[in-house]
Amino acid sequence: MSVVVEMYNPRWPEYFQQIKSELEQLLINVDIRSIEHIGSTSVSELAARPIIDVDVVVTRDNVQTAIDALVSNGHFTCLGELGVEDRYALCDPNQPPERNIYVCVEGAFQTRNHLGLRDVLRVNAELREEYGAVKLGLAARGLDIADYVEAKNNIIHKILRTAGFVSEDELAAIEAASRERDRRIALQTDRLTLREFVLEDVPAFHALESIPEVVRYQTWPPKTLEDARKDVVQIIQNSFVDPRAHIELAVMLEDRFIGRVGAFINPEDSQGKPICPPHTDLWFSFMPEMQGKGFAVEATKAFIPTLGSPMTLEIECDPRNTGSWKLAERLGFERVRLIERAFECKGEWVGSLVYQKKV
């Protein structure tokens, strides 16, 4: 989905005050240093994505206490640091207005980045106008959120240098972290874009995985919206694990989410002994109306080279799921095993059909 950037809305500070009051009630028994409106919506006259960014600033000793309070009192979901040290992202179920909530360590340079960026933009009209123009230009290009965030790096680093709230060593660390995030996977085929998942994908993920036809041959029932949210959160968290074992990408046709492809890399066997080459399980699911058009083959062919080599790839499916095993054959996988009654699923015994390919 393309990023939306709007001209400054004078109601954004009001929205922040509303969110701040809600957070104060949830954190009433927590020693917090401050609750800060950060991000572009905190800067008057600056174009921004219409999302209120909020830092809950606490001492390091109170980070977990603050997170626990938001989870237990407000039913927030903690996403973890997501590759940004000392900044813990939380998903607030109470929307709108749309918001991003972070629990941040007082004095940590990531916290100072947020505050320094905001403060310099509030007083430096030239930088504010330049930053706003960059954001509007990126949105006009129809970028999705991952590409949009990456494309802003240069101007953000320029603003931080102007702010002077962080040292050159810290700026170098920020740029190194940005390069690490830039290595996250983004692929383009003739018709499709494959990209990392973001929280905004939850409704589309739910729309896919709640269809009985899509999950007919899976061990789980149609997913609820809460199930989908938990799955997307887990996918996002796993994307920041190093080494990365679970890799899953959203498949986009123009701006529409049409499916997903994923893999789990197993470098060890069930006894913890190294496997050489590693064993990788592949999976995919697509909207029913998108099936039979070659999108799954196109997406999976682009996805496989990102997993590395040498490697043994495996696709396991219910023998009744002709779409899956035919796709495996079109991808050049070889049938290696068929077990007629492998396990019980949804009240019936089902088979296991396994295809493999070495890369």
Protein backbone atom coordinates (compact mmCIF):
# COMPACT_ATOMS: atom_id res chain seq x y z
CA MET A 1 0.00 0.00 0.00
CA SER A 2 1.36 3.42 -0.95
CA VAL A 3 2.32 5.81 1.82
CA VAL A 4 0.03 8.80 2.35
CA VAL A 5 1.58 12.13 3.36
CA GLU A 6 -0.68 15.04 4.25
CA MET A 7 -0.14 18.73 4.78
CA TYR A 8 0.08 19.76 8.44
CA ASN A 9 -3.12 19.26 10.40
CA PRO A 10 -3.52 21.64 13.38
CA ARG A 11 -5.53 18.93 15.17
CA TRP A 12 -2.50 16.64 15.47
CA PRO A 13 -1.36 18.23 18.79
CA GLU A 14 -4.91 17.71 20.12
CA TYR A 15 -4.75 14.05 19.14
CA PHE A 16 -1.43 13.73 20.98
CA GLN A 17 -2.89 15.23 24.16
CA GLN A 18 -5.75 12.73 23.98
CA ILE A 19 -3.32 9.82 23.57
CA LYS A 20 -1.09 11.19 26.33
CA SER A 21 -4.02 11.28 28.76
CA GLU A 22 -4.87 7.67 27.91
CA LEU A 23 -1.26 6.59 28.44
CA GLU A 24 -1.00 8.42 31.76
CA GLN A 25 -3.98 6.44 33.06
CA LEU A 26 -2.48 3.15 31.92
CA LEU A 27 0.91 4.06 33.42
CA ILE A 28 -0.39 5.62 36.63
CA ASN A 29 1.71 3.30 38.82
CA VAL A 30 4.84 3.54 36.69
CA ASP A 31 7.66 6.03 37.27
CA ILE A 32 7.85 7.71 33.84
CA ARG A 33 10.08 10.66 32.97
CA SER A 34 7.88 12.13 30.25
CA ILE A 35 5.49 11.38 27.40
CA GLU A 36 6.70 13.11 24.25
CA HIS A 37 5.02 13.92 20.94
CA ILE A 38 7.68 13.11 18.36
CA GLY A 39 7.82 12.56 14.63
CA SER A 40 6.60 14.87 11.89
CA THR A 41 3.10 15.38 13.34
CA SER A 42 4.78 17.09 16.31
CA VAL A 43 6.22 19.86 14.10
CA SER A 44 3.94 22.72 13.11
CA GLU A 45 3.66 23.30 9.34
CA LEU A 46 5.45 20.05 8.45
CA ALA A 47 3.84 17.60 6.03
CA ALA A 48 3.50 14.16 7.61
CA ARG A 49 1.95 10.76 7.52
CA PRO A 50 -1.21 11.18 9.63
CA ILE A 51 0.09 8.98 12.45
CA ILE A 52 0.85 10.29 15.93
CA ASP A 53 4.25 9.09 17.17
CA VAL A 54 4.68 9.01 20.95
CA ASP A 55 7.70 8.28 23.14
CA VAL A 56 7.11 7.10 26.70
CA VAL A 57 10.47 7.98 28.26
CA VAL A 58 11.57 5.95 31.30
CA THR A 59 14.77 5.03 33.07
CA ARG A 60 16.35 1.78 31.96
CA ASP A 61 15.20 0.08 35.18
CA ASN A 62 11.57 0.90 34.38
CA VAL A 63 11.42 -0.22 30.76
CA GLN A 64 9.89 -3.62 31.47
CA THR A 65 7.56 -2.17 34.11
CA ALA A 66 6.18 0.33 31.58
CA ILE A 67 5.81 -2.34 28.90
CA ASP A 68 4.05 -4.70 31.31
CA ALA A 69 1.63 -1.95 32.36
CA LEU A 70 0.68 -1.14 28.77
CA VAL A 71 0.27 -4.82 27.91
CA SER A 72 -1.78 -5.72 31.00
CA ASN A 73 -3.77 -2.50 31.44
CA GLY A 74 -4.21 -1.47 27.80
CA HIS A 75 -3.91 -4.80 25.95
CA PHE A 76 -0.98 -3.45 23.92
CA THR A 77 1.26 -5.82 21.96
CA CYS A 78 4.99 -5.42 22.46
CA LEU A 79 6.91 -5.76 19.19
CA GLY A 80 10.33 -5.47 20.78
CA GLU A 81 13.21 -3.27 19.65
CA LEU A 82 12.84 -4.14 15.95
CA GLY A 83 16.50 -3.44 15.31
CA VAL A 84 16.55 -0.09 17.17
CA GLU A 85 18.36 -0.39 20.49
CA ASP A 86 16.63 1.04 23.58
CA ARG A 87 13.36 1.73 21.72
CA TYR A 88 10.53 -0.74 22.24
CA ALA A 89 7.63 -0.52 19.82
CA LEU A 90 4.13 -1.29 21.06
CA CYS A 91 0.91 -1.74 19.11
CA ASP A 92 -1.99 0.13 20.72
CA PRO A 93 -5.37 -1.52 19.98
CA ASN A 94 -7.14 1.78 20.68
CA GLN A 95 -7.28 3.42 17.25
CA PRO A 96 -8.10 5.99 15.82
CA PRO A 97 -6.43 8.41 15.89
CA GLU A 98 -3.71 6.23 14.43
CA ARG A 99 -0.60 6.16 16.58
CA ASN A 100 2.80 4.54 17.13
CA ILE A 101 3.80 4.09 20.75
CA TYR A 102 7.39 3.56 21.88
CA VAL A 103 8.86 2.95 25.34
CA CYS A 104 12.29 4.59 25.24
CA VAL A 105 15.25 4.64 27.59
CA GLU A 106 15.97 8.08 29.04
CA GLY A 107 19.21 9.53 27.70
CA ALA A 108 19.77 6.79 25.13
CA PHE A 109 20.90 8.21 21.83
CA GLN A 110 17.86 6.81 20.01
CA THR A 111 15.67 8.80 22.40
CA ARG A 112 17.81 11.88 21.85
CA ASN A 113 17.47 11.32 18.10
CA HIS A 114 13.69 11.53 18.31
CA LEU A 115 13.74 14.64 20.44
CA GLY A 116 16.59 16.30 18.56
CA LEU A 117 14.95 15.72 15.19
CA ARG A 118 11.72 17.24 16.44
CA ASP A 119 13.33 20.21 18.16
CA VAL A 120 15.56 21.25 15.26
CA LEU A 121 12.67 21.03 12.78
CA ARG A 122 10.53 23.21 15.02
CA VAL A 123 13.03 26.07 14.83
CA ASN A 124 14.76 25.57 11.46
CA ALA A 125 12.32 26.57 8.71
CA GLU A 126 14.76 25.75 5.89
CA LEU A 127 15.28 22.16 7.03
CA ARG A 128 11.57 21.82 7.78
CA GLU A 129 10.66 22.84 4.24
CA GLU A 130 13.31 20.58 2.73
CA TYR A 131 12.17 17.59 4.79
CA GLY A 132 8.51 18.23 3.96
CA ALA A 133 9.30 18.44 0.25
CA VAL A 134 11.21 15.15 0.39
CA LYS A 135 8.32 13.39 2.13
CA LEU A 136 5.72 14.72 -0.30
CA GLY A 137 7.92 13.76 -3.24
CA LEU A 138 8.38 10.20 -1.96
CA ALA A 139 4.65 9.79 -1.38
CA ALA A 140 3.96 11.06 -4.90
CA ARG A 141 6.13 8.21 -6.22
CA GLY A 142 3.73 5.71 -4.71
CA LEU A 143 6.31 4.08 -2.43
CA ASP A 144 5.25 1.53 0.14
CA ILE A 145 6.18 2.06 3.78
CA ALA A 146 9.44 0.06 3.69
CA ASP A 147 10.83 1.94 0.68
CA TYR A 148 9.56 5.26 2.05
CA VAL A 149 11.38 4.83 5.37
CA GLU A 150 14.59 3.79 3.60
CA ALA A 151 14.45 6.72 1.18
CA LYS A 152 14.27 9.26 4.04
CA ASN A 153 17.56 8.18 5.61
CA ASN A 154 19.80 10.81 4.00
CA ILE A 155 17.66 13.81 4.93
CA ILE A 156 17.14 12.49 8.47
CA HIS A 157 20.89 12.07 8.97
CA LYS A 158 21.40 15.65 7.71
CA ILE A 159 18.86 16.94 10.24
CA LEU A 160 20.45 15.00 13.09
CA ARG A 161 23.87 16.42 12.26
CA THR A 162 22.37 19.90 12.31
CA ALA A 163 20.65 19.17 15.63
CA GLY A 164 23.98 18.32 17.29
CA PHE A 165 22.29 16.20 19.95
CA VAL A 166 24.29 13.12 19.08
CA SER A 167 28.00 12.50 18.60
CA GLU A 168 29.69 11.53 15.36
CA ASP A 169 30.19 8.02 16.74
CA GLU A 170 26.48 7.78 17.46
CA LEU A 171 25.63 9.08 14.01
CA ALA A 172 27.90 6.43 12.54
CA ALA A 173 26.02 3.82 14.57
CA ILE A 174 22.70 5.17 13.28
CA GLU A 175 23.92 4.96 9.70
CA ALA A 176 25.22 1.42 10.29
CA ALA A 177 21.82 0.41 11.70
CA SER A 178 20.17 2.00 8.67
CA ARG A 179 22.38 -0.05 6.37
CA GLU A 180 21.39 -3.17 8.28
CA ARG A 181 17.70 -2.33 7.79
CA ASP A 182 18.38 -1.52 4.14
CA ARG A 183 19.47 -5.14 3.71
CA ARG A 184 15.94 -6.27 4.44
CA ILE A 185 14.48 -7.98 1.42
CA ALA A 186 12.66 -6.15 -1.37
CA LEU A 187 12.17 -7.84 -4.73
CA GLN A 188 10.61 -6.81 -8.03
CA THR A 189 9.41 -9.22 -10.72
CA ASP A 190 7.68 -8.47 -14.01
CA ARG A 191 4.33 -8.10 -12.27
CA LEU A 192 4.90 -8.27 -8.54
CA THR A 193 6.63 -6.63 -5.59
CA LEU A 194 7.79 -8.80 -2.70
CA ARG A 195 8.56 -6.88 0.46
CA GLU A 196 8.88 -7.23 4.21
CA PHE A 197 5.72 -7.25 6.28
CA VAL A 198 4.60 -4.13 8.18
CA LEU A 199 1.85 -3.73 10.78
CA GLU A 200 -0.39 -2.10 8.20
CA ASP A 201 -0.60 -5.52 6.50
CA VAL A 202 -2.70 -7.02 9.31
CA PRO A 203 -6.14 -6.42 7.69
CA ALA A 204 -4.97 -7.79 4.31
CA PHE A 205 -3.26 -10.77 5.95
CA HIS A 206 -6.49 -11.48 7.83
CA ALA A 207 -8.54 -11.17 4.64
CA LEU A 208 -6.36 -13.89 3.10
CA GLU A 209 -5.99 -16.29 6.01
CA SER A 210 -9.63 -16.08 7.15
CA ILE A 211 -10.85 -17.64 3.89
CA PRO A 212 -11.84 -21.28 4.51
CA GLU A 213 -10.68 -22.28 1.03
CA VAL A 214 -7.19 -20.86 1.68
CA VAL A 215 -6.69 -22.78 4.97
CA ARG A 216 -8.57 -25.92 3.91
CA TYR A 217 -5.44 -28.08 3.89
CA GLN A 218 -3.71 -26.39 6.82
CA THR A 219 -3.68 -27.53 10.44
CA TRP A 220 -5.28 -24.28 11.62
CA PRO A 221 -8.83 -22.97 11.13
CA PRO A 222 -9.61 -19.65 9.43
CA LYS A 223 -7.75 -16.99 11.39
CA THR A 224 -9.41 -14.30 13.43
CA LEU A 225 -8.23 -10.69 13.20
CA GLU A 226 -6.40 -11.19 16.50
CA ASP A 227 -4.70 -14.33 15.13
CA ALA A 228 -3.62 -12.39 12.05
CA ARG A 229 -2.25 -9.54 14.15
CA LYS A 230 -0.20 -11.95 16.26
CA ASP A 231 1.14 -13.66 13.14
CA VAL A 232 2.19 -10.39 11.50
CA VAL A 233 3.83 -9.22 14.74
CA GLN A 234 5.78 -12.48 14.88
CA ILE A 235 6.82 -12.17 11.23
CA ILE A 236 8.08 -8.63 11.85
CA GLN A 237 9.94 -9.61 15.02
CA ASN A 238 11.57 -12.57 13.29
CA SER A 239 12.78 -10.33 10.47
CA PHE A 240 15.18 -8.66 12.92
CA VAL A 241 16.65 -11.87 14.34
CA ASP A 242 20.27 -12.54 13.35
CA PRO A 243 20.88 -15.08 11.91
CA ARG A 244 17.50 -14.96 10.30
CA ALA A 245 15.71 -18.32 10.21
CA HIS A 246 12.13 -17.28 9.43
CA ILE A 247 11.80 -15.24 6.24
CA GLU A 248 8.35 -14.23 5.04
CA LEU A 249 7.39 -11.61 2.46
CA ALA A 250 4.17 -9.92 1.43
CA VAL A 251 3.37 -10.28 -2.27
CA MET A 252 1.95 -7.13 -3.83
CA LEU A 253 0.27 -6.63 -7.20
CA GLU A 254 0.60 -2.88 -7.66
CA ASP A 255 -0.80 -1.62 -4.31
CA ARG A 256 -2.79 -4.74 -3.48
CA PHE A 257 -1.71 -7.48 -1.07
CA ILE A 258 -2.42 -10.73 -2.92
CA GLY A 259 -0.49 -13.32 -0.94
CA ARG A 260 2.62 -14.33 0.94
CA VAL A 261 5.67 -16.54 0.54
CA GLY A 262 7.76 -17.80 3.41
CA ALA A 263 10.54 -20.11 4.50
CA PHE A 264 12.03 -21.51 7.66
CA ILE A 265 15.72 -22.38 7.53
CA ASN A 266 16.74 -25.32 9.73
CA PRO A 267 20.54 -25.48 10.17
CA GLU A 268 20.20 -28.30 12.74
CA ASP A 269 18.31 -31.58 13.01
CA SER A 270 15.94 -32.52 15.82
CA GLN A 271 18.92 -33.59 17.98
CA GLY A 272 20.63 -30.23 17.52
CA LYS A 273 23.27 -31.54 15.14
CA PRO A 274 24.25 -29.34 12.17
CA ILE A 275 22.68 -30.20 8.82
CA CYS A 276 24.84 -29.73 5.75
CA PRO A 277 23.40 -28.30 3.62
CA PRO A 278 20.68 -26.63 5.74
CA HIS A 279 17.09 -27.76 5.27
CA THR A 280 14.51 -25.13 4.37
CA ASP A 281 10.73 -25.48 4.45
CA LEU A 282 8.84 -23.33 1.92
CA TRP A 283 5.22 -22.20 1.98
CA PHE A 284 2.92 -19.82 0.12
CA SER A 285 -0.72 -18.73 0.07
CA PHE A 286 -2.59 -16.48 -2.34
CA MET A 287 -6.03 -14.95 -2.64
CA PRO A 288 -8.32 -17.40 -4.47
CA GLU A 289 -9.05 -14.96 -7.29
CA MET A 290 -5.29 -14.64 -7.91
CA GLN A 291 -4.69 -18.36 -8.27
CA GLY A 292 -4.17 -19.90 -11.70
CA LYS A 293 -2.47 -16.77 -13.05
CA GLY A 294 1.14 -17.73 -12.41
CA PHE A 295 1.65 -15.30 -9.51
CA ALA A 296 2.67 -18.00 -7.01
CA VAL A 297 5.32 -19.41 -9.37
CA GLU A 298 6.57 -15.91 -10.22
CA ALA A 299 6.82 -14.90 -6.55
CA THR A 300 8.41 -18.13 -5.36
CA LYS A 301 11.01 -18.14 -8.15
CA ALA A 302 12.07 -14.64 -7.09
CA PHE A 303 12.02 -15.56 -3.39
CA ILE A 304 14.16 -18.73 -3.46
CA PRO A 305 17.51 -17.05 -4.38
CA THR A 306 17.26 -14.83 -1.28
CA LEU A 307 17.51 -17.90 0.96
CA GLY A 308 21.11 -18.67 0.04
CA SER A 309 22.89 -21.84 -1.02
CA PRO A 310 23.81 -24.65 -0.73
CA MET A 311 20.46 -25.66 0.69
CA THR A 312 17.81 -28.37 0.50
CA LEU A 313 14.41 -26.82 -0.17
CA GLU A 314 11.26 -28.71 0.76
CA ILE A 315 7.56 -28.22 0.06
CA GLU A 316 5.21 -30.48 2.02
CA CYS A 317 1.50 -30.53 1.23
CA ASP A 318 -1.69 -32.50 1.57
CA PRO A 319 -1.90 -34.76 -1.52
CA ARG A 320 -5.42 -33.42 -2.10
CA ASN A 321 -3.98 -29.92 -2.49
CA THR A 322 -3.29 -30.24 -6.21
CA GLY A 323 -2.48 -26.54 -6.55
CA SER A 324 0.47 -26.83 -4.17
CA TRP A 325 2.08 -29.97 -5.56
CA LYS A 326 1.60 -28.84 -9.14
CA LEU A 327 3.30 -25.56 -8.24
CA ALA A 328 6.19 -27.54 -6.72
CA GLU A 329 6.57 -29.45 -9.96
CA ARG A 330 6.52 -26.25 -12.03
CA LEU A 331 9.31 -24.93 -9.83
CA GLY A 332 11.43 -27.98 -10.62
CA PHE A 333 11.01 -29.77 -7.29
CA GLU A 334 11.13 -33.59 -7.25
CA ARG A 335 8.64 -35.79 -5.43
CA VAL A 336 10.53 -37.69 -2.71
CA ARG A 337 7.93 -39.07 -0.32
CA LEU A 338 4.22 -39.84 0.05
CA ILE A 339 2.71 -41.04 3.34
CA GLU A 340 -0.95 -41.96 2.96
CA ARG A 341 -2.05 -41.45 6.58
CA ALA A 342 0.55 -39.12 8.08
CA PHE A 343 -1.38 -37.34 10.84
CA GLU A 344 -4.84 -36.34 11.99
CA CYS A 345 -5.99 -32.87 10.94
CA LYS A 346 -9.37 -31.26 11.57
CA GLY A 347 -10.92 -34.56 12.53
CA GLU A 348 -9.60 -36.67 9.64
CA TRP A 349 -6.45 -38.57 8.72
CA VAL A 350 -4.52 -36.86 5.94
CA GLY A 351 -1.52 -37.69 3.83
CA SER A 352 1.84 -35.97 3.48
CA LEU A 353 3.34 -35.35 0.04
CA VAL A 354 6.91 -34.04 0.03
CA TYR A 355 8.86 -32.38 -2.79
CA GLN A 356 12.50 -31.33 -2.58
CA LYS A 357 15.02 -29.34 -4.58
CA LYS A 358 18.71 -28.69 -3.94
CA VAL A 359 20.13 -25.25 -4.67
